[in-house]
Amino acid sequence: MTVRLTLVAAARCSALPVERFADDRPLDPAARREVALAASLVPLGVAELRYCSPTARSRATGEALGYAPMVQPALRDCDMGRWRGSTLAEVAAREPEAVDAWLADPRAAPHGGEPLLGFIARIGGWLDTRPAEDGAMVAVAEPAVVRAALVYTLNAPPSAYWNVDVRPLSTVTLTGGAHRWHLSLLSLAG
């Protein structure tokens, strides 16, 4: 049995391109307009199973696309502890050694939250428990969740997480099943 799971990165929650750790703000009006213009994502809503992470922007993105997704707590963003709501620049100014440790060691959690390795494993665990039936699934999640899923799927070292750029409303499709996921690049050509 082969599962096809398309991950959709949640729309941005602010017109400002400033990323904050574990940002759970809702979609702003500009982001809602972007979702409304993302007509190519609407057909994904025919998937048998439709999921989303519990963040406000993931839920709002899924609803705006007409998916009526089920919230999956396991798809929550990485727990950033006391860094939640701050930008990387803000934290680096306050705690430069802690940021260096966090970026260098995937087991480190100087923020008091979840280490990168634990986050990737959690997302991988969610992937591996998807129903092993032929069929399509879609999940709207934070860009960090999509990055973690890609690192897990490719069995890449945790450091690869920092080399994956996931833009709002971008998609990637994974095929396979428990412990045997593959990245699937789909052609738009007929």
Foldseek 3Di string as FASTA:
>chain_A
DKEKEKEWEFFDQDPDPFDAAQDQHARDPVSLVVLVVPLVCLVLLVWPAEEEEPGRRRCVSCVSSVNPHHYDPLQGGFWLAQRGPPGPVVCCVVPVVLSVCLLVDQCDRPNPTHRLVRNLVSLLVVQQPDDPDYTYYYYYGHPLSVLSPVCQQVVHPSNCSVVDDDHHRDMWMWMDHHPHIDTDDDDPDD
